[in-house]
């Protein structure tokens, strides 16, 4: 797996992924976890999640997500549309939900 520098809005993350799109999808996933219940997560109430996100700082994505293997603020970074990635992420979450229902 390669190391990617992913940035959008106020988000700047370094992570390992199979490819640039998967790195960007992971950032979308982590960002969406702040605001919607992605898993059965009884550890924190919605109010507690809100407090934690405010204390840690909300991750806010911009209109595009830039991904580079070289570093942040690169002019040659791959630029992906945030909305398209969110649609893809939503499709993945629906597929996982259906798979979980089949396995139950």
N, C-alpha and C. Protein backbone atom coordinates (compact mmCIF):
# COMPACT_ATOMS: atom_id res chain seq x y z
N UNK A 1 0.85 -1.19 0.00
CA UNK A 1 0.00 0.00 0.00
C UNK A 1 0.89 1.25 0.00
N UNK A 2 0.39 2.24 -0.68
CA UNK A 2 1.13 3.50 -0.79
C UNK A 2 0.66 4.48 0.28
N UNK A 3 1.50 5.46 0.53
CA UNK A 3 1.18 6.53 1.48
C UNK A 3 0.62 7.70 0.70
N UNK A 4 -0.53 8.23 1.18
CA UNK A 4 -1.20 9.34 0.50
C UNK A 4 -1.40 10.51 1.44
N UNK A 5 -1.27 11.69 0.88
CA UNK A 5 -1.57 12.94 1.57
C UNK A 5 -2.90 13.42 1.01
N UNK A 6 -3.91 13.46 1.87
CA UNK A 6 -5.26 13.80 1.43
C UNK A 6 -5.66 15.10 2.12
N UNK A 7 -6.17 16.04 1.32
CA UNK A 7 -6.61 17.31 1.91
C UNK A 7 -7.85 17.83 1.22
N UNK A 8 -8.69 18.47 2.03
CA UNK A 8 -9.91 19.09 1.54
C UNK A 8 -10.48 19.92 2.68
N UNK A 9 -10.93 21.12 2.39
CA UNK A 9 -11.47 21.97 3.46
C UNK A 9 -10.44 22.12 4.55
N UNK A 10 -10.83 21.78 5.80
CA UNK A 10 -9.88 21.87 6.91
C UNK A 10 -9.24 20.52 7.24
N UNK A 11 -9.41 19.55 6.36
CA UNK A 11 -8.90 18.20 6.60
C UNK A 11 -7.56 18.01 5.91
N UNK A 12 -6.59 17.51 6.66
CA UNK A 12 -5.28 17.15 6.14
C UNK A 12 -4.89 15.85 6.82
N UNK A 13 -4.83 14.77 6.04
CA UNK A 13 -4.60 13.44 6.60
C UNK A 13 -3.54 12.73 5.77
N UNK A 14 -2.66 12.02 6.46
CA UNK A 14 -1.70 11.14 5.80
C UNK A 14 -2.12 9.72 6.14
N UNK A 15 -2.29 8.88 5.11
CA UNK A 15 -2.73 7.51 5.35
C UNK A 15 -2.22 6.58 4.28
N UNK A 16 -2.34 5.29 4.54
CA UNK A 16 -1.96 4.29 3.56
C UNK A 16 -3.22 3.70 2.95
N UNK A 17 -3.19 3.49 1.63
CA UNK A 17 -4.34 2.91 0.93
C UNK A 17 -3.85 2.23 -0.34
N UNK A 18 -4.74 1.43 -0.93
CA UNK A 18 -4.41 0.74 -2.18
C UNK A 18 -4.26 1.70 -3.35
N UNK A 19 -5.08 2.76 -3.36
CA UNK A 19 -4.98 3.75 -4.42
C UNK A 19 -5.52 5.09 -3.92
N UNK A 20 -5.41 6.11 -4.76
CA UNK A 20 -5.79 7.47 -4.37
C UNK A 20 -7.28 7.59 -4.07
N UNK A 21 -8.11 6.94 -4.88
CA UNK A 21 -9.55 7.04 -4.64
C UNK A 21 -9.95 6.40 -3.32
N UNK A 22 -9.34 5.27 -2.99
CA UNK A 22 -9.64 4.63 -1.70
C UNK A 22 -9.18 5.50 -0.54
N UNK A 23 -8.09 6.19 -0.71
CA UNK A 23 -7.62 7.12 0.33
C UNK A 23 -8.64 8.24 0.53
N UNK A 24 -9.14 8.79 -0.58
CA UNK A 24 -10.15 9.86 -0.49
C UNK A 24 -11.45 9.33 0.10
N UNK A 25 -11.86 8.12 -0.27
CA UNK A 25 -13.08 7.53 0.29
C UNK A 25 -12.96 7.34 1.80
N UNK A 26 -11.77 6.97 2.26
CA UNK A 26 -11.57 6.80 3.70
C UNK A 26 -11.76 8.13 4.44
N UNK A 27 -11.27 9.21 3.84
CA UNK A 27 -11.44 10.54 4.45
C UNK A 27 -12.92 10.93 4.47
N UNK A 28 -13.63 10.64 3.39
CA UNK A 28 -15.08 10.89 3.38
C UNK A 28 -15.75 10.08 4.49
N UNK A 29 -15.37 8.82 4.61
CA UNK A 29 -15.94 7.96 5.65
C UNK A 29 -15.70 8.52 7.05
N UNK A 30 -14.47 8.89 7.34
CA UNK A 30 -14.16 9.43 8.67
C UNK A 30 -14.90 10.74 8.93
N UNK A 31 -15.07 11.55 7.89
CA UNK A 31 -15.80 12.80 8.03
C UNK A 31 -17.28 12.54 8.29
N UNK A 32 -17.86 11.61 7.55
CA UNK A 32 -19.28 11.31 7.71
C UNK A 32 -19.58 10.66 9.05
N UNK A 33 -18.62 9.95 9.63
CA UNK A 33 -18.81 9.34 10.95
C UNK A 33 -19.13 10.38 12.01
N UNK A 34 -18.70 11.61 11.81
CA UNK A 34 -18.96 12.66 12.79
C UNK A 34 -20.43 13.00 12.90
N UNK A 35 -21.16 12.85 11.80
CA UNK A 35 -22.51 13.40 11.76
C UNK A 35 -23.62 12.37 11.62
N UNK A 36 -23.28 11.16 11.17
CA UNK A 36 -24.32 10.14 11.07
C UNK A 36 -23.83 8.85 11.70
N UNK A 37 -24.75 8.03 12.17
CA UNK A 37 -24.34 6.73 12.74
C UNK A 37 -23.99 5.75 11.63
N UNK A 38 -22.71 5.51 11.43
CA UNK A 38 -22.26 4.60 10.38
C UNK A 38 -22.36 3.16 10.85
N UNK A 39 -22.09 2.91 12.11
CA UNK A 39 -22.15 1.58 12.70
C UNK A 39 -23.11 1.63 13.88
N UNK A 40 -23.38 0.45 14.41
CA UNK A 40 -24.07 0.40 15.70
C UNK A 40 -23.04 0.87 16.73
N UNK A 41 -23.20 2.06 17.21
CA UNK A 41 -22.21 2.66 18.09
C UNK A 41 -22.91 3.14 19.35
N UNK A 42 -23.00 2.24 20.32
CA UNK A 42 -23.67 2.59 21.56
C UNK A 42 -22.72 3.19 22.59
N UNK A 43 -21.44 3.28 22.22
CA UNK A 43 -20.46 3.80 23.17
C UNK A 43 -20.73 5.26 23.51
N UNK A 44 -21.07 6.07 22.52
CA UNK A 44 -21.31 7.49 22.74
C UNK A 44 -22.71 7.85 22.25
N UNK A 45 -23.38 8.66 23.03
CA UNK A 45 -24.69 9.18 22.61
C UNK A 45 -24.46 10.24 21.53
N UNK A 46 -25.51 10.59 20.77
CA UNK A 46 -25.35 11.67 19.78
C UNK A 46 -24.85 12.97 20.41
N UNK A 47 -25.32 13.27 21.61
CA UNK A 47 -24.88 14.49 22.28
C UNK A 47 -23.39 14.41 22.62
N UNK A 48 -22.94 13.23 23.08
CA UNK A 48 -21.52 13.06 23.40
C UNK A 48 -20.66 13.15 22.13
N UNK A 49 -21.15 12.56 21.04
CA UNK A 49 -20.42 12.65 19.77
C UNK A 49 -20.29 14.11 19.34
N UNK A 50 -21.36 14.86 19.53
CA UNK A 50 -21.35 16.28 19.18
C UNK A 50 -20.30 17.03 20.00
N UNK A 51 -20.27 16.76 21.30
CA UNK A 51 -19.30 17.42 22.17
C UNK A 51 -17.87 17.06 21.77
N UNK A 52 -17.63 15.78 21.50
CA UNK A 52 -16.29 15.33 21.12
C UNK A 52 -15.87 15.99 19.81
N UNK A 53 -16.78 16.03 18.83
CA UNK A 53 -16.42 16.62 17.54
C UNK A 53 -16.14 18.11 17.67
N UNK A 54 -16.87 18.79 18.55
CA UNK A 54 -16.60 20.22 18.75
C UNK A 54 -15.26 20.43 19.44
N UNK A 55 -14.96 19.58 20.42
CA UNK A 55 -13.69 19.71 21.13
C UNK A 55 -12.51 19.37 20.22
N UNK A 56 -12.66 18.33 19.42
CA UNK A 56 -11.57 17.92 18.54
C UNK A 56 -11.53 18.73 17.26
N UNK A 57 -12.60 19.43 16.97
CA UNK A 57 -12.68 20.19 15.74
C UNK A 57 -13.35 19.37 14.65
N UNK A 58 -14.44 19.88 14.14
CA UNK A 58 -15.14 19.17 13.07
C UNK A 58 -14.29 19.11 11.82
N UNK A 59 -14.32 17.96 11.16
CA UNK A 59 -13.67 17.81 9.87
C UNK A 59 -14.66 18.31 8.83
N UNK A 60 -14.27 19.29 8.03
CA UNK A 60 -15.14 19.86 7.01
C UNK A 60 -14.46 19.72 5.65
N UNK A 61 -15.14 19.07 4.74
CA UNK A 61 -14.59 18.87 3.40
C UNK A 61 -14.94 20.04 2.49
N UNK A 62 -14.08 20.30 1.53
CA UNK A 62 -14.35 21.30 0.51
C UNK A 62 -15.05 20.66 -0.69
N UNK A 63 -15.17 21.39 -1.77
CA UNK A 63 -15.83 20.88 -2.98
C UNK A 63 -15.03 19.79 -3.67
N UNK A 64 -13.73 19.80 -3.47
CA UNK A 64 -12.86 18.77 -4.04
C UNK A 64 -11.95 18.22 -2.97
N UNK A 65 -11.42 17.03 -3.24
CA UNK A 65 -10.46 16.39 -2.35
C UNK A 65 -9.19 16.18 -3.17
N UNK A 66 -8.07 16.69 -2.66
CA UNK A 66 -6.78 16.55 -3.35
C UNK A 66 -6.01 15.40 -2.71
N UNK A 67 -5.47 14.54 -3.56
CA UNK A 67 -4.72 13.38 -3.08
C UNK A 67 -3.37 13.35 -3.80
N UNK A 68 -2.30 13.20 -3.01
CA UNK A 68 -0.96 13.16 -3.58
C UNK A 68 -0.11 12.14 -2.82
N UNK A 69 0.82 11.54 -3.51
CA UNK A 69 1.80 10.67 -2.85
C UNK A 69 3.05 11.46 -2.47
N UNK A 70 3.10 12.74 -2.84
CA UNK A 70 4.30 13.54 -2.62
C UNK A 70 4.21 14.46 -1.39
N UNK A 71 3.01 14.91 -1.04
CA UNK A 71 2.87 15.82 0.09
C UNK A 71 1.63 16.69 -0.07
N UNK A 72 1.42 17.57 0.90
CA UNK A 72 0.28 18.49 0.87
C UNK A 72 0.56 19.67 -0.05
N UNK A 73 -0.52 20.31 -0.49
CA UNK A 73 -0.46 21.54 -1.29
C UNK A 73 0.33 21.38 -2.58
N UNK A 74 0.21 20.21 -3.19
CA UNK A 74 0.90 19.95 -4.45
C UNK A 74 0.04 20.36 -5.63
N UNK A 75 0.61 21.06 -6.58
CA UNK A 75 -0.12 21.46 -7.78
C UNK A 75 -0.46 20.27 -8.66
N UNK A 76 0.32 19.19 -8.53
CA UNK A 76 0.09 18.00 -9.35
C UNK A 76 -0.78 16.96 -8.65
N UNK A 77 -1.40 17.31 -7.53
CA UNK A 77 -2.25 16.38 -6.80
C UNK A 77 -3.47 15.99 -7.62
N UNK A 78 -3.90 14.76 -7.47
CA UNK A 78 -5.15 14.32 -8.09
C UNK A 78 -6.29 15.03 -7.39
N UNK A 79 -7.21 15.60 -8.16
CA UNK A 79 -8.33 16.34 -7.59
C UNK A 79 -9.61 15.58 -7.89
N UNK A 80 -10.32 15.17 -6.82
CA UNK A 80 -11.55 14.40 -6.96
C UNK A 80 -12.73 15.21 -6.45
N UNK A 81 -13.86 15.06 -7.10
CA UNK A 81 -15.07 15.77 -6.71
C UNK A 81 -15.64 15.18 -5.43
N UNK A 82 -15.82 15.99 -4.41
CA UNK A 82 -16.30 15.51 -3.11
C UNK A 82 -17.69 14.91 -3.23
N UNK A 83 -18.59 15.55 -3.98
CA UNK A 83 -19.94 15.03 -4.10
C UNK A 83 -19.95 13.64 -4.74
N UNK A 84 -19.16 13.45 -5.79
CA UNK A 84 -19.08 12.14 -6.43
C UNK A 84 -18.54 11.08 -5.48
N UNK A 85 -17.56 11.45 -4.67
CA UNK A 85 -17.02 10.51 -3.68
C UNK A 85 -18.06 10.18 -2.61
N UNK A 86 -18.87 11.17 -2.23
CA UNK A 86 -19.91 10.92 -1.23
C UNK A 86 -20.98 9.99 -1.80
N UNK A 87 -21.30 10.13 -3.08
CA UNK A 87 -22.24 9.21 -3.72
C UNK A 87 -21.68 7.80 -3.70
N UNK A 88 -20.41 7.66 -4.07
CA UNK A 88 -19.74 6.35 -4.05
C UNK A 88 -19.73 5.79 -2.63
N UNK A 89 -19.39 6.61 -1.65
CA UNK A 89 -19.37 6.18 -0.25
C UNK A 89 -20.77 5.71 0.17
N UNK A 90 -21.80 6.44 -0.21
CA UNK A 90 -23.17 6.06 0.14
C UNK A 90 -23.53 4.71 -0.47
N UNK A 91 -23.13 4.48 -1.70
CA UNK A 91 -23.39 3.19 -2.34
C UNK A 91 -22.69 2.05 -1.60
N UNK A 92 -21.47 2.31 -1.14
CA UNK A 92 -20.74 1.30 -0.36
C UNK A 92 -21.44 1.01 0.97
N UNK A 93 -21.94 2.04 1.63
CA UNK A 93 -22.64 1.85 2.91
C UNK A 93 -23.94 1.05 2.71
N UNK A 94 -24.64 1.31 1.62
CA UNK A 94 -25.87 0.56 1.32
C UNK A 94 -25.52 -0.90 1.06
N UNK A 95 -24.45 -1.15 0.31
CA UNK A 95 -24.03 -2.52 0.03
C UNK A 95 -23.64 -3.24 1.31
N UNK A 96 -22.93 -2.57 2.19
CA UNK A 96 -22.55 -3.19 3.48
C UNK A 96 -23.77 -3.49 4.33
N UNK A 97 -24.74 -2.59 4.32
CA UNK A 97 -25.96 -2.81 5.09
C UNK A 97 -26.72 -4.03 4.55
N UNK A 98 -26.81 -4.14 3.25
CA UNK A 98 -27.48 -5.30 2.64
C UNK A 98 -26.74 -6.59 2.94
N UNK A 99 -25.43 -6.55 2.89
CA UNK A 99 -24.62 -7.73 3.21
C UNK A 99 -24.83 -8.14 4.66
N UNK A 100 -24.84 -7.18 5.55
CA UNK A 100 -25.08 -7.48 6.97
C UNK A 100 -26.45 -8.10 7.17
N UNK A 101 -27.47 -7.60 6.45
CA UNK A 101 -28.82 -8.16 6.57
C UNK A 101 -28.87 -9.60 6.07
N UNK A 102 -28.13 -9.90 5.01
CA UNK A 102 -28.10 -11.27 4.49
C UNK A 102 -27.41 -12.21 5.46
N UNK A 103 -26.38 -11.72 6.13
CA UNK A 103 -25.61 -12.56 7.04
C UNK A 103 -26.28 -12.77 8.40
N UNK A 104 -27.30 -12.00 8.69
CA UNK A 104 -27.98 -12.13 9.99
C UNK A 104 -28.87 -13.33 10.05
